[in-house]
């Protein structure tokens, strides 16, 4: 069987590469592309949702359709947008949800086959590169306006005398603003294969997620990857990260309490073992290959 995964260019979407690696072990042929041109040559198409109304997928009537939901709609009017997707999105043959809260808040019933797929970690993050620590903090991810409070957080950390390595695309305005600080470096967008080595250049992994719906309920991929890389976690305190820390017997430092460098130096960090979040473990646990098989029966 052949599956086409429609890539978007707004995020890393590590799950789609994990799908490809895993399913190809079971003789599936998986292509990832942002170009629809050859997708009709496949048996199924996976769409990263998103909004795909009926008219957008009419030409795929001979293909099985899989909807992949990794997140809920962002503010403002998040819940209204979720309801809009419920009424106007096309109906697939199967759905994949990153968590139970995503399924619940998108109002989908149980008539369409579905599976919950947790956020996983690439195996390369578990390798010990023994990189020299030349930064205090690493921050990986978006720095846009959706991350309300992040730029203030980064500036406060710099003012305390820490250094920061920022990974990901930043706007010209952000870059120009932080040029006045000599302890910050922007690494830009990086291929995922380089991220483990980049992360391990730092002592602390910074996670800053606004304590606002729906971001405060959703998985933080970077936090799991920081843990796999052996970093000490500094994060603002909100629902998901607090529960993740407790469930995995970790001990993170809450950024909201940060006043001086000595607090971090003297803090008894505990970075949890996250091996059970590897993609293979997750896919085997949910019997993902069997779930995909049933779509074609």
Protein backbone atom coordinates (compact mmCIF):
# COMPACT_ATOMS: atom_id res chain seq x y z
CA UNK A 1 0.00 0.00 0.00
CA UNK A 2 1.10 3.54 -0.74
CA UNK A 3 0.43 6.56 1.49
CA UNK A 4 0.98 10.20 0.56
CA UNK A 5 1.50 12.65 3.45
CA UNK A 6 0.81 16.29 2.65
CA UNK A 7 3.49 18.31 4.42
CA UNK A 8 2.96 21.87 5.59
CA UNK A 9 5.82 24.35 5.88
CA UNK A 10 4.68 26.01 9.10
CA UNK A 11 6.27 23.52 11.50
CA UNK A 12 8.80 20.70 11.81
CA UNK A 13 6.00 18.10 12.06
CA UNK A 14 8.36 15.36 13.31
CA UNK A 15 5.46 12.90 13.53
CA UNK A 16 5.15 12.59 9.73
CA UNK A 17 8.76 11.41 9.36
CA UNK A 18 8.18 8.99 12.23
CA UNK A 19 5.11 7.64 10.40
CA UNK A 20 7.21 7.09 7.29
CA UNK A 21 10.06 5.34 9.10
CA UNK A 22 7.70 3.11 11.06
CA UNK A 23 5.26 2.13 8.31
CA UNK A 24 7.99 1.36 5.80
CA UNK A 25 9.09 -1.44 8.14
CA UNK A 26 5.74 -3.05 7.29
CA UNK A 27 6.16 -2.67 3.51
CA UNK A 28 4.14 0.52 3.15
CA UNK A 29 5.41 3.01 0.60
CA UNK A 30 5.21 6.49 2.16
CA UNK A 31 5.92 9.79 0.41
CA UNK A 32 6.12 13.14 2.16
CA UNK A 33 5.71 16.25 0.05
CA UNK A 34 4.03 19.66 -0.07
CA UNK A 35 3.21 19.01 -3.73
CA UNK A 36 -0.11 17.30 -4.46
CA UNK A 37 0.83 16.54 -8.07
CA UNK A 38 1.37 12.78 -7.74
CA UNK A 39 -0.82 12.08 -4.72
CA UNK A 40 -3.55 10.39 -6.80
CA UNK A 41 -1.07 7.62 -7.57
CA UNK A 42 -1.35 6.53 -3.94
CA UNK A 43 -3.87 4.44 -2.02
CA UNK A 44 -4.29 6.92 0.82
CA UNK A 45 -3.52 10.54 1.63
CA UNK A 46 -2.82 11.89 5.10
CA UNK A 47 -3.70 15.54 5.71
CA UNK A 48 -2.25 17.56 8.58
CA UNK A 49 -5.29 19.40 9.92
CA UNK A 50 -6.03 22.17 9.52
CA UNK A 51 -9.02 22.94 7.53
CA UNK A 52 -9.85 20.79 4.53
CA UNK A 53 -13.49 21.25 3.44
CA UNK A 54 -15.18 18.83 1.06
CA UNK A 55 -14.39 20.77 -2.10
CA UNK A 56 -10.66 20.56 -1.38
CA UNK A 57 -10.60 16.76 -1.30
CA UNK A 58 -13.23 15.97 -3.96
CA UNK A 59 -10.53 14.88 -6.39
CA UNK A 60 -9.37 12.23 -3.90
CA UNK A 61 -12.61 10.25 -3.98
CA UNK A 62 -10.74 7.04 -4.90
CA UNK A 63 -8.26 7.40 -2.03
CA UNK A 64 -8.58 6.64 1.65
CA UNK A 65 -8.36 9.88 3.63
CA UNK A 66 -6.60 10.15 7.00
CA UNK A 67 -6.90 13.32 9.09
CA UNK A 68 -4.02 13.99 11.48
CA UNK A 69 -4.82 16.40 14.34
CA UNK A 70 -1.77 17.52 16.29
CA UNK A 71 -3.28 20.65 17.82
CA UNK A 72 -6.40 22.66 18.49
CA UNK A 73 -7.22 26.04 16.97
CA UNK A 74 -5.25 28.95 18.36
CA UNK A 75 -6.63 32.07 19.97
CA UNK A 76 -8.46 34.32 19.45
CA UNK A 77 -11.85 32.53 19.29
CA UNK A 78 -10.25 29.09 19.62
CA UNK A 79 -13.42 27.22 20.53
CA UNK A 80 -15.42 28.90 17.78
CA UNK A 81 -12.78 27.82 15.26
CA UNK A 82 -12.88 24.27 16.64
CA UNK A 83 -16.65 24.17 16.16
CA UNK A 84 -16.28 25.53 12.62
CA UNK A 85 -13.89 22.67 11.79
CA UNK A 86 -16.34 20.15 13.20
CA UNK A 87 -19.12 21.31 10.91
CA UNK A 88 -17.20 22.11 7.74
CA UNK A 89 -14.18 19.81 7.57
CA UNK A 90 -14.46 16.87 5.20
CA UNK A 91 -15.16 13.42 6.61
CA UNK A 92 -12.14 11.07 6.48
CA UNK A 93 -11.83 7.29 6.68
CA UNK A 94 -9.78 7.60 9.87
CA UNK A 95 -8.47 10.19 12.31
CA UNK A 96 -5.27 10.43 14.35
CA UNK A 97 -5.32 12.63 17.46
CA UNK A 98 -2.31 13.78 19.46
CA UNK A 99 -4.34 13.58 22.68
CA UNK A 100 -7.79 12.97 24.11
CA UNK A 101 -8.34 16.69 24.75
CA UNK A 102 -7.94 17.42 21.03
CA UNK A 103 -10.62 14.90 20.09
CA UNK A 104 -12.93 16.13 22.86
CA UNK A 105 -12.62 19.82 22.02
CA UNK A 106 -13.11 19.23 18.29
CA UNK A 107 -16.46 17.59 19.14
CA UNK A 108 -15.87 14.49 17.01
CA UNK A 109 -17.94 11.44 17.86
CA UNK A 110 -16.71 7.85 17.63
CA UNK A 111 -18.19 6.77 14.31
CA UNK A 112 -14.97 7.33 12.38
CA UNK A 113 -12.07 5.01 13.42
CA UNK A 114 -9.47 6.91 15.42
CA UNK A 115 -6.33 6.46 17.47
CA UNK A 116 -4.55 8.61 20.07
CA UNK A 117 -0.90 9.12 19.17
CA UNK A 118 1.27 10.79 21.80
CA UNK A 119 4.16 13.08 20.83
CA UNK A 120 7.30 11.03 20.32
CA UNK A 121 11.04 11.57 20.29
CA UNK A 122 13.46 10.64 17.50
CA UNK A 123 16.05 8.04 18.50
CA UNK A 124 18.91 10.38 17.66
CA UNK A 125 18.04 12.56 20.67
CA UNK A 126 19.01 9.72 23.00
CA UNK A 127 22.61 9.60 21.76
CA UNK A 128 25.28 11.03 24.06
CA UNK A 129 27.26 13.50 21.97
CA UNK A 130 29.30 14.92 24.90
CA UNK A 131 29.21 18.40 23.40
CA UNK A 132 30.99 21.23 25.21
CA UNK A 133 28.49 23.48 27.01
CA UNK A 134 29.02 26.95 25.53
CA UNK A 135 25.54 28.36 26.31
CA UNK A 136 23.47 28.45 29.46
CA UNK A 137 20.10 28.14 27.73
CA UNK A 138 18.77 26.81 24.47
CA UNK A 139 15.33 27.78 23.21
CA UNK A 140 13.92 25.94 20.21
CA UNK A 141 10.73 26.88 18.40
CA UNK A 142 8.53 29.78 17.45
CA UNK A 143 9.19 33.33 18.65
CA UNK A 144 6.13 34.85 17.01
CA UNK A 145 3.31 36.77 18.69
CA UNK A 146 1.41 33.58 19.58
CA UNK A 147 4.06 32.91 22.26
CA UNK A 148 2.89 35.80 24.43
CA UNK A 149 5.49 36.61 27.06
CA UNK A 150 8.35 34.64 25.47
CA UNK A 151 10.43 37.62 24.36
CA UNK A 152 10.14 39.22 27.81
CA UNK A 153 11.22 35.88 29.30
CA UNK A 154 14.28 35.72 27.04
CA UNK A 155 15.21 39.32 27.83
CA UNK A 156 14.90 38.75 31.58
CA UNK A 157 17.18 35.72 31.33
CA UNK A 158 19.77 37.78 29.43
CA UNK A 159 19.55 40.58 32.01
CA UNK A 160 20.41 38.05 34.73
CA UNK A 161 23.67 37.37 32.87
CA UNK A 162 22.77 34.07 31.22
CA UNK A 163 23.50 33.25 27.56
CA UNK A 164 20.86 31.90 25.15
CA UNK A 165 21.04 29.95 21.89
CA UNK A 166 17.83 30.38 19.87
CA UNK A 167 16.91 27.74 17.30
CA UNK A 168 14.25 28.43 14.68
CA UNK A 169 13.08 31.21 12.40
CA UNK A 170 12.89 34.69 13.89
CA UNK A 171 11.56 37.90 12.38
CA UNK A 172 13.86 40.79 11.52
CA UNK A 173 12.27 42.80 14.33
CA UNK A 174 13.16 40.17 16.93
CA UNK A 175 16.69 39.84 15.60
CA UNK A 176 17.26 43.61 15.61
CA UNK A 177 15.83 44.03 19.10
CA UNK A 178 18.17 41.46 20.65
CA UNK A 179 21.27 42.68 18.81
CA UNK A 180 22.00 44.92 21.81
CA UNK A 181 22.69 41.80 23.88
CA UNK A 182 26.03 40.04 23.37
CA UNK A 183 25.03 36.74 25.03
CA UNK A 184 22.43 35.62 22.53
CA UNK A 185 22.96 33.71 19.28
CA UNK A 186 20.39 32.88 16.62
CA UNK A 187 21.03 29.54 14.94
CA UNK A 188 18.11 29.91 12.51
CA UNK A 189 16.03 27.05 11.15
CA UNK A 190 17.91 23.77 11.44
CA UNK A 191 17.34 20.31 10.00
CA UNK A 192 16.08 17.99 12.73
CA UNK A 193 19.13 15.75 12.41
CA UNK A 194 21.28 18.58 13.82
CA UNK A 195 19.02 19.47 16.76
CA UNK A 196 20.39 16.97 19.32
CA UNK A 197 23.94 18.29 18.97
CA UNK A 198 22.69 21.87 19.06
CA UNK A 199 20.61 21.27 22.19
CA UNK A 200 23.54 19.69 23.98
CA UNK A 201 25.59 22.86 23.59
CA UNK A 202 23.48 24.24 26.47
CA UNK A 203 22.98 23.42 30.15
CA UNK A 204 19.28 24.32 30.37
CA UNK A 205 16.39 23.75 27.98
CA UNK A 206 13.94 26.67 27.99
CA UNK A 207 10.27 25.97 27.45
CA UNK A 208 7.96 28.98 27.47
CA UNK A 209 4.32 28.32 26.65
CA UNK A 210 1.65 30.93 27.40
CA UNK A 211 -0.72 29.70 30.08
CA UNK A 212 -3.62 30.13 27.68
CA UNK A 213 -6.01 27.69 26.03
CA UNK A 214 -5.21 25.59 24.02
CA UNK A 215 -1.42 25.84 24.28
CA UNK A 216 -1.40 25.12 28.01
CA UNK A 217 -3.08 21.73 27.41
CA UNK A 218 -0.97 20.52 24.51
CA UNK A 219 2.27 18.55 24.34
CA UNK A 220 5.55 20.43 24.28
CA UNK A 221 7.71 18.50 21.82
CA UNK A 222 10.77 20.57 22.69
CA UNK A 223 10.48 19.72 26.40
CA UNK A 224 10.52 15.99 25.66
CA UNK A 225 13.49 16.44 23.30
CA UNK A 226 15.36 18.54 25.88
CA UNK A 227 14.87 15.73 28.40
CA UNK A 228 16.12 13.10 25.94
CA UNK A 229 19.18 15.31 25.36
CA UNK A 230 19.91 15.37 29.10
CA UNK A 231 19.19 19.07 29.63
CA UNK A 232 17.90 20.61 32.83
CA UNK A 233 14.40 21.98 32.22
CA UNK A 234 13.40 25.56 32.95
CA UNK A 235 9.80 26.34 32.08
CA UNK A 236 6.96 28.62 33.00
CA UNK A 237 4.36 26.73 35.00
CA UNK A 238 1.18 25.61 33.24
CA UNK A 239 -1.10 22.59 33.00
CA UNK A 240 0.67 20.23 30.58
CA UNK A 241 4.27 20.76 31.71
CA UNK A 242 3.34 20.51 35.41
CA UNK A 243 1.55 17.20 34.81
CA UNK A 244 4.38 15.91 32.60
CA UNK A 245 6.96 16.67 35.28
CA UNK A 246 4.95 14.90 37.99
CA UNK A 247 3.96 11.89 35.89
CA UNK A 248 7.60 11.26 34.92
CA UNK A 249 9.11 11.96 38.36
CA UNK A 250 11.04 14.97 37.11
CA UNK A 251 11.94 18.19 38.84
CA UNK A 252 11.86 21.34 36.71
CA UNK A 253 12.62 24.91 37.70
CA UNK A 254 9.66 27.25 37.21
CA UNK A 255 10.81 30.36 35.36
CA UNK A 256 8.20 32.48 37.18
CA UNK A 257 10.35 32.10 40.35
CA UNK A 258 13.69 33.01 38.71
CA UNK A 259 15.38 36.00 40.36
CA UNK A 260 19.12 35.28 40.16
CA UNK A 261 21.68 32.85 38.78
CA UNK A 262 22.35 31.18 42.13
CA UNK A 263 18.82 29.75 42.16
CA UNK A 264 19.57 27.61 39.11
CA UNK A 265 23.10 26.72 40.16
CA UNK A 266 21.84 25.43 43.52
CA UNK A 267 18.58 23.87 42.31
CA UNK A 268 18.21 20.10 42.53
CA UNK A 269 17.11 19.40 38.95
CA UNK A 270 15.85 15.98 37.96
CA UNK A 271 15.60 15.30 34.25
CA UNK A 272 13.18 12.40 33.69
CA UNK A 273 13.97 9.29 31.66
CA UNK A 274 11.85 9.68 28.53
CA UNK A 275 12.76 6.48 26.68
CA UNK A 276 9.11 5.42 26.73
CA UNK A 277 8.34 8.45 24.53
CA UNK A 278 10.45 7.18 21.63
CA UNK A 279 8.41 6.87 18.45
CA UNK A 280 8.84 3.11 18.22
CA UNK A 281 7.60 2.65 21.76
CA UNK A 282 4.56 4.85 21.11
CA UNK A 283 3.63 3.22 17.80
CA UNK A 284 4.05 -0.29 19.17
CA UNK A 285 2.00 0.59 22.23
CA UNK A 286 -0.99 1.79 20.19
CA UNK A 287 -0.58 -0.95 17.53
CA UNK A 288 -0.33 1.73 14.88
CA UNK A 289 0.43 -0.59 11.98
CA UNK A 290 -2.77 -2.57 12.65
CA UNK A 291 -4.76 0.66 12.85
CA UNK A 292 -3.51 1.68 9.39
CA UNK A 293 -4.11 -1.82 8.01
CA UNK A 294 -7.78 -1.68 8.99
CA UNK A 295 -8.31 1.47 6.92
CA UNK A 296 -7.79 -0.57 3.75
CA UNK A 297 -10.06 -3.47 4.69
